[in-house]
Amino acid sequence: MRSREKIILEGVACAHQLDLEQQVHSMIFKMGYVGNVYSCTALLDMYAKCERVEVAYVVFRAYLSVILSHGMRL
């Protein structure tokens, strides 16, 4: 994940706009950054700053399953 995307996520986190959060999350998914450590951490941070703990937990669980699936293949 490039610094540009990280800056966008940080800006969205400060904006507290649900529709914008969902659009950025969708963009990250479409661009293939779902398994990326930086994008998942930035998403968790964004949702936590916006006080959307339930969504942050879903992102965390999805990321955890990616980590575990990579471990199973080794």
N, C-alpha and C. Protein backbone atom coordinates (compact mmCIF):
# COMPACT_ATOMS: atom_id res chain seq x y z
N MET A 1 0.84 -1.17 0.00
CA MET A 1 0.00 0.00 0.00
C MET A 1 0.89 1.24 0.00
N ARG A 2 0.61 2.11 -0.89
CA ARG A 2 1.40 3.33 -0.99
C ARG A 2 0.95 4.37 0.03
N SER A 3 1.80 5.33 0.26
CA SER A 3 1.51 6.34 1.27
C SER A 3 0.28 7.16 0.90
N ARG A 4 0.00 7.27 -0.38
CA ARG A 4 -1.18 8.03 -0.82
C ARG A 4 -2.46 7.41 -0.26
N GLU A 5 -2.58 6.08 -0.35
CA GLU A 5 -3.77 5.41 0.17
C GLU A 5 -3.85 5.54 1.69
N LYS A 6 -2.70 5.48 2.34
CA LYS A 6 -2.69 5.62 3.80
C LYS A 6 -3.17 7.01 4.21
N ILE A 7 -2.74 8.02 3.49
CA ILE A 7 -3.17 9.39 3.78
C ILE A 7 -4.68 9.53 3.57
N ILE A 8 -5.20 8.90 2.53
CA ILE A 8 -6.64 8.94 2.28
C ILE A 8 -7.39 8.31 3.44
N LEU A 9 -6.93 7.15 3.90
CA LEU A 9 -7.60 6.49 5.02
C LEU A 9 -7.55 7.32 6.29
N GLU A 10 -6.43 7.97 6.54
CA GLU A 10 -6.32 8.82 7.72
C GLU A 10 -7.27 10.01 7.62
N GLY A 11 -7.41 10.57 6.43
CA GLY A 11 -8.33 11.67 6.23
C GLY A 11 -9.77 11.26 6.42
N VAL A 12 -10.12 10.09 5.91
CA VAL A 12 -11.47 9.57 6.06
C VAL A 12 -11.78 9.31 7.53
N ALA A 13 -10.80 8.81 8.26
CA ALA A 13 -10.99 8.53 9.68
C ALA A 13 -11.33 9.80 10.45
N CYS A 14 -10.76 10.90 10.05
CA CYS A 14 -11.03 12.17 10.73
C CYS A 14 -12.37 12.77 10.29
N ALA A 15 -12.86 12.39 9.13
CA ALA A 15 -14.09 12.97 8.59
C ALA A 15 -15.35 12.40 9.25
N HIS A 16 -15.29 11.18 9.75
CA HIS A 16 -16.43 10.52 10.40
C HIS A 16 -17.65 10.45 9.47
N GLN A 17 -17.44 10.05 8.22
CA GLN A 17 -18.53 9.92 7.26
C GLN A 17 -18.66 8.47 6.85
N LEU A 18 -19.77 7.86 7.21
CA LEU A 18 -19.98 6.43 6.98
C LEU A 18 -19.91 6.06 5.50
N ASP A 19 -20.57 6.83 4.64
CA ASP A 19 -20.57 6.47 3.21
C ASP A 19 -19.18 6.54 2.62
N LEU A 20 -18.40 7.51 3.04
CA LEU A 20 -17.03 7.64 2.55
C LEU A 20 -16.16 6.49 3.06
N GLU A 21 -16.35 6.09 4.31
CA GLU A 21 -15.62 4.95 4.87
C GLU A 21 -15.88 3.69 4.05
N GLN A 22 -17.14 3.45 3.75
CA GLN A 22 -17.52 2.25 3.00
C GLN A 22 -16.96 2.27 1.59
N GLN A 23 -16.92 3.44 0.96
CA GLN A 23 -16.37 3.55 -0.38
C GLN A 23 -14.87 3.25 -0.38
N VAL A 24 -14.16 3.77 0.61
CA VAL A 24 -12.72 3.53 0.68
C VAL A 24 -12.45 2.06 0.97
N HIS A 25 -13.23 1.45 1.85
CA HIS A 25 -13.08 0.03 2.16
C HIS A 25 -13.31 -0.80 0.89
N SER A 26 -14.33 -0.45 0.13
CA SER A 26 -14.62 -1.15 -1.12
C SER A 26 -13.48 -0.98 -2.12
N MET A 27 -12.91 0.23 -2.19
CA MET A 27 -11.80 0.49 -3.10
C MET A 27 -10.59 -0.38 -2.74
N ILE A 28 -10.31 -0.49 -1.45
CA ILE A 28 -9.19 -1.32 -1.00
C ILE A 28 -9.42 -2.78 -1.40
N PHE A 29 -10.64 -3.25 -1.25
CA PHE A 29 -10.98 -4.62 -1.61
C PHE A 29 -10.80 -4.84 -3.12
N LYS A 30 -11.32 -3.91 -3.92
CA LYS A 30 -11.24 -4.04 -5.38
C LYS A 30 -9.81 -3.96 -5.90
N MET A 31 -8.97 -3.18 -5.22
CA MET A 31 -7.58 -3.02 -5.66
C MET A 31 -6.70 -4.18 -5.21
N GLY A 32 -7.25 -5.10 -4.42
CA GLY A 32 -6.50 -6.27 -4.02
C GLY A 32 -5.62 -6.09 -2.81
N TYR A 33 -5.90 -5.07 -2.00
CA TYR A 33 -5.09 -4.81 -0.81
C TYR A 33 -5.65 -5.50 0.44
N VAL A 34 -6.59 -6.40 0.29
CA VAL A 34 -7.26 -7.00 1.44
C VAL A 34 -6.28 -7.73 2.35
N GLY A 35 -5.35 -8.46 1.81
CA GLY A 35 -4.41 -9.21 2.63
C GLY A 35 -3.17 -8.42 3.03
N ASN A 36 -3.13 -7.16 2.66
CA ASN A 36 -1.98 -6.31 2.94
C ASN A 36 -2.01 -5.85 4.40
N VAL A 37 -0.90 -6.01 5.09
CA VAL A 37 -0.81 -5.64 6.50
C VAL A 37 -1.13 -4.16 6.70
N TYR A 38 -0.58 -3.31 5.87
CA TYR A 38 -0.77 -1.88 6.03
C TYR A 38 -2.23 -1.46 5.79
N SER A 39 -2.85 -2.04 4.76
CA SER A 39 -4.24 -1.65 4.48
C SER A 39 -5.18 -2.14 5.57
N CYS A 40 -4.98 -3.35 6.07
CA CYS A 40 -5.83 -3.86 7.15
C CYS A 40 -5.65 -3.06 8.43
N THR A 41 -4.42 -2.72 8.73
CA THR A 41 -4.16 -1.90 9.92
C THR A 41 -4.79 -0.52 9.77
N ALA A 42 -4.67 0.06 8.58
CA ALA A 42 -5.26 1.38 8.34
C ALA A 42 -6.78 1.32 8.42
N LEU A 43 -7.39 0.24 7.90
CA LEU A 43 -8.84 0.09 8.01
C LEU A 43 -9.27 -0.05 9.47
N LEU A 44 -8.54 -0.87 10.21
CA LEU A 44 -8.86 -1.01 11.64
C LEU A 44 -8.76 0.33 12.34
N ASP A 45 -7.72 1.08 12.05
CA ASP A 45 -7.54 2.39 12.66
C ASP A 45 -8.66 3.34 12.26
N MET A 46 -9.03 3.32 10.99
CA MET A 46 -10.09 4.20 10.50
C MET A 46 -11.41 3.91 11.22
N TYR A 47 -11.78 2.64 11.28
CA TYR A 47 -13.04 2.30 11.92
C TYR A 47 -13.01 2.55 13.42
N ALA A 48 -11.88 2.33 14.05
CA ALA A 48 -11.77 2.59 15.50
C ALA A 48 -11.90 4.09 15.78
N LYS A 49 -11.25 4.92 14.98
CA LYS A 49 -11.35 6.37 15.18
C LYS A 49 -12.76 6.88 14.94
N CYS A 50 -13.49 6.20 14.08
CA CYS A 50 -14.87 6.59 13.80
C CYS A 50 -15.85 5.91 14.75
N GLU A 51 -15.33 5.24 15.75
CA GLU A 51 -16.12 4.55 16.77
C GLU A 51 -17.05 3.49 16.18
N ARG A 52 -16.56 2.79 15.18
CA ARG A 52 -17.31 1.69 14.56
C ARG A 52 -16.59 0.38 14.89
N VAL A 53 -16.66 0.03 16.16
CA VAL A 53 -15.93 -1.11 16.68
C VAL A 53 -16.40 -2.42 16.05
N GLU A 54 -17.69 -2.54 15.79
CA GLU A 54 -18.22 -3.77 15.20
C GLU A 54 -17.60 -4.03 13.83
N VAL A 55 -17.50 -2.99 13.02
CA VAL A 55 -16.92 -3.14 11.68
C VAL A 55 -15.42 -3.41 11.79
N ALA A 56 -14.76 -2.73 12.73
CA ALA A 56 -13.33 -2.98 12.95
C ALA A 56 -13.10 -4.43 13.32
N TYR A 57 -13.99 -5.00 14.13
CA TYR A 57 -13.86 -6.40 14.52
C TYR A 57 -14.03 -7.32 13.31
N VAL A 58 -14.95 -7.01 12.43
CA VAL A 58 -15.16 -7.82 11.22
C VAL A 58 -13.90 -7.77 10.34
N VAL A 59 -13.32 -6.58 10.20
CA VAL A 59 -12.09 -6.44 9.41
C VAL A 59 -10.97 -7.26 10.05
N PHE A 60 -10.88 -7.19 11.37
CA PHE A 60 -9.85 -7.94 12.08
C PHE A 60 -10.02 -9.44 11.88
N ARG A 61 -11.24 -9.93 11.99
CA ARG A 61 -11.50 -11.37 11.80
C ARG A 61 -11.16 -11.81 10.38
N ALA A 62 -11.50 -10.99 9.40
CA ALA A 62 -11.19 -11.32 8.00
C ALA A 62 -9.68 -11.35 7.79
N TYR A 63 -8.98 -10.39 8.37
CA TYR A 63 -7.53 -10.35 8.23
C TYR A 63 -6.89 -11.53 8.95
N LEU A 64 -7.43 -11.89 10.10
CA LEU A 64 -6.92 -13.04 10.84
C LEU A 64 -7.08 -14.32 10.04
N SER A 65 -8.19 -14.47 9.34
CA SER A 65 -8.40 -15.67 8.52
C SER A 65 -7.40 -15.71 7.36
N VAL A 66 -7.05 -14.55 6.81
CA VAL A 66 -6.03 -14.50 5.75
C VAL A 66 -4.69 -14.97 6.30
N ILE A 67 -4.33 -14.48 7.47
CA ILE A 67 -3.07 -14.87 8.09
C ILE A 67 -3.04 -16.36 8.36
N LEU A 68 -4.11 -16.90 8.91
CA LEU A 68 -4.16 -18.32 9.23
C LEU A 68 -4.14 -19.18 7.97
N SER A 69 -4.80 -18.73 6.91
CA SER A 69 -4.79 -19.53 5.68
C SER A 69 -3.39 -19.57 5.07
N HIS A 70 -2.65 -18.48 5.18
CA HIS A 70 -1.27 -18.50 4.69
C HIS A 70 -0.41 -19.44 5.53
N GLY A 71 -0.65 -19.49 6.81
CA GLY A 71 0.09 -20.38 7.69
C GLY A 71 -0.19 -21.84 7.42
N MET A 72 -1.42 -22.13 7.05
CA MET A 72 -1.80 -23.52 6.76
C MET A 72 -1.13 -24.04 5.50
N ARG A 73 -0.85 -23.16 4.55
CA ARG A 73 -0.26 -23.58 3.28
C ARG A 73 1.24 -23.84 3.39
N LEU A 74 1.87 -23.35 4.43
CA LEU A 74 3.32 -23.50 4.55
C LEU A 74 3.72 -24.88 4.94
